[in-house]
């Protein structure tokens, strides 16, 4: 099992280092590779990805992108 973990870690690290695969796919790779190689269950990995703090930060980034897309920051500054 530790060899499988090292293999997945190396694989994801090489994707991250070389940017051979887009970053969102690289970041989601453990979600699919850990259960495939028997490192962890899909439920455990998914719960780790959607921790409360991570969901809060992700929601903040989505809100910031929406504010920037619709120029709400500029509207508030000019009023």
C-alpha atoms as a PDB file:
ATOM      1  CA  UNK A   1       0.000   0.000   0.000  1.00  0.00           C
ATOM      2  CA  UNK A   2       2.854   2.424   0.719  1.00  0.00           C
ATOM      3  CA  UNK A   3       4.281   1.738  -2.745  1.00  0.00           C
ATOM      4  CA  UNK A   4       0.926   2.630  -4.260  1.00  0.00           C
ATOM      5  CA  UNK A   5       0.854   5.865  -2.272  1.00  0.00           C
ATOM      6  CA  UNK A   6       4.374   6.752  -3.379  1.00  0.00           C
ATOM      7  CA  UNK A   7       3.449   5.986  -6.997  1.00  0.00           C
ATOM      8  CA  UNK A   8       0.361   8.223  -6.871  1.00  0.00           C
ATOM      9  CA  UNK A   9       2.321  10.979  -5.132  1.00  0.00           C
ATOM     10  CA  UNK A  10       5.054  10.836  -7.781  1.00  0.00           C
ATOM     11  CA  UNK A  11       2.522  10.752 -10.604  1.00  0.00           C
ATOM     12  CA  UNK A  12       0.592  13.765  -9.328  1.00  0.00           C
ATOM     13  CA  UNK A  13       3.820  15.629  -8.517  1.00  0.00           C
ATOM     14  CA  UNK A  14       5.115  15.132 -12.066  1.00  0.00           C
ATOM     15  CA  UNK A  15       1.832  16.349 -13.514  1.00  0.00           C
ATOM     16  CA  UNK A  16       2.006  19.391 -11.229  1.00  0.00           C
ATOM     17  CA  UNK A  17       5.675  20.088 -11.991  1.00  0.00           C
ATOM     18  CA  UNK A  18       5.467  19.721 -15.764  1.00  0.00           C
ATOM     19  CA  UNK A  19       1.915  21.039 -16.144  1.00  0.00           C
ATOM     20  CA  UNK A  20       1.321  18.220 -18.629  1.00  0.00           C
ATOM     21  CA  UNK A  21      -2.277  18.032 -17.434  1.00  0.00           C
ATOM     22  CA  UNK A  22      -4.407  21.066 -16.473  1.00  0.00           C
ATOM     23  CA  UNK A  23      -4.146  21.938 -12.786  1.00  0.00           C
ATOM     24  CA  UNK A  24      -7.816  21.188 -11.920  1.00  0.00           C
ATOM     25  CA  UNK A  25      -7.420  17.649 -13.243  1.00  0.00           C
ATOM     26  CA  UNK A  26      -4.127  17.250 -11.393  1.00  0.00           C
ATOM     27  CA  UNK A  27      -5.707  18.374  -8.137  1.00  0.00           C
ATOM     28  CA  UNK A  28      -8.619  15.959  -8.512  1.00  0.00           C
ATOM     29  CA  UNK A  29      -6.442  12.978  -9.508  1.00  0.00           C
ATOM     30  CA  UNK A  30      -6.115  11.600  -5.932  1.00  0.00           C
ATOM     31  CA  UNK A  31      -9.902  11.500  -5.689  1.00  0.00           C
ATOM     32  CA  UNK A  32      -9.895   8.829  -8.382  1.00  0.00           C
ATOM     33  CA  UNK A  33      -6.454   7.267  -7.942  1.00  0.00           C
ATOM     34  CA  UNK A  34      -6.582   6.557  -4.191  1.00  0.00           C
ATOM     35  CA  UNK A  35      -9.599   4.216  -4.417  1.00  0.00           C
ATOM     36  CA  UNK A  36      -8.248   2.699  -7.641  1.00  0.00           C
ATOM     37  CA  UNK A  37      -4.968   1.698  -5.973  1.00  0.00           C
ATOM     38  CA  UNK A  38      -6.561   0.735  -2.649  1.00  0.00           C
ATOM     39  CA  UNK A  39      -4.988   3.566  -0.630  1.00  0.00           C
ATOM     40  CA  UNK A  40      -8.240   4.945   0.777  1.00  0.00           C
ATOM     41  CA  UNK A  41     -11.951   4.635   0.159  1.00  0.00           C
ATOM     42  CA  UNK A  42     -13.717   7.076  -2.125  1.00  0.00           C
ATOM     43  CA  UNK A  43     -15.857   8.300   0.791  1.00  0.00           C
ATOM     44  CA  UNK A  44     -12.810   9.108   2.916  1.00  0.00           C
ATOM     45  CA  UNK A  45     -11.062  10.987   0.110  1.00  0.00           C
ATOM     46  CA  UNK A  46     -14.219  12.915  -0.825  1.00  0.00           C
ATOM     47  CA  UNK A  47     -14.775  13.935   2.809  1.00  0.00           C
ATOM     48  CA  UNK A  48     -11.197  15.207   2.947  1.00  0.00           C
ATOM     49  CA  UNK A  49     -11.707  17.259  -0.209  1.00  0.00           C
ATOM     50  CA  UNK A  50     -14.882  18.885   1.132  1.00  0.00           C
ATOM     51  CA  UNK A  51     -13.736  19.759   4.627  1.00  0.00           C
ATOM     52  CA  UNK A  52     -15.606  22.749   6.128  1.00  0.00           C
ATOM     53  CA  UNK A  53     -12.651  25.112   5.793  1.00  0.00           C
ATOM     54  CA  UNK A  54     -11.979  24.089   2.191  1.00  0.00           C
ATOM     55  CA  UNK A  55     -15.643  24.614   1.298  1.00  0.00           C
ATOM     56  CA  UNK A  56     -15.533  28.079   2.917  1.00  0.00           C
ATOM     57  CA  UNK A  57     -12.423  29.091   0.958  1.00  0.00           C
ATOM     58  CA  UNK A  58     -13.819  27.659  -2.286  1.00  0.00           C
ATOM     59  CA  UNK A  59     -17.074  29.567  -1.784  1.00  0.00           C
ATOM     60  CA  UNK A  60     -15.115  32.772  -1.127  1.00  0.00           C
ATOM     61  CA  UNK A  61     -13.173  32.343  -4.365  1.00  0.00           C
ATOM     62  CA  UNK A  62     -16.365  31.717  -6.336  1.00  0.00           C
ATOM     63  CA  UNK A  63     -17.978  34.807  -4.806  1.00  0.00           C
ATOM     64  CA  UNK A  64     -14.900  36.915  -5.620  1.00  0.00           C
ATOM     65  CA  UNK A  65     -14.958  35.746  -9.237  1.00  0.00           C
ATOM     66  CA  UNK A  66     -18.645  36.636  -9.516  1.00  0.00           C
ATOM     67  CA  UNK A  67     -18.013  40.107  -8.052  1.00  0.00           C
ATOM     68  CA  UNK A  68     -15.185  40.669 -10.529  1.00  0.00           C
ATOM     69  CA  UNK A  69     -17.124  39.291 -13.505  1.00  0.00           C
ATOM     70  CA  UNK A  70     -20.095  41.621 -12.995  1.00  0.00           C
ATOM     71  CA  UNK A  71     -17.925  44.635 -11.980  1.00  0.00           C
ATOM     72  CA  UNK A  72     -19.668  44.932  -8.625  1.00  0.00           C
ATOM     73  CA  UNK A  73     -16.406  46.076  -7.039  1.00  0.00           C
ATOM     74  CA  UNK A  74     -16.231  48.999  -9.469  1.00  0.00           C
ATOM     75  CA  UNK A  75     -19.894  49.905  -8.938  1.00  0.00           C
ATOM     76  CA  UNK A  76     -19.436  49.975  -5.166  1.00  0.00           C
ATOM     77  CA  UNK A  77     -16.295  52.089  -5.433  1.00  0.00           C
ATOM     78  CA  UNK A  78     -17.934  54.680  -7.690  1.00  0.00           C
ATOM     79  CA  UNK A  79     -21.057  55.080  -5.544  1.00  0.00           C
END
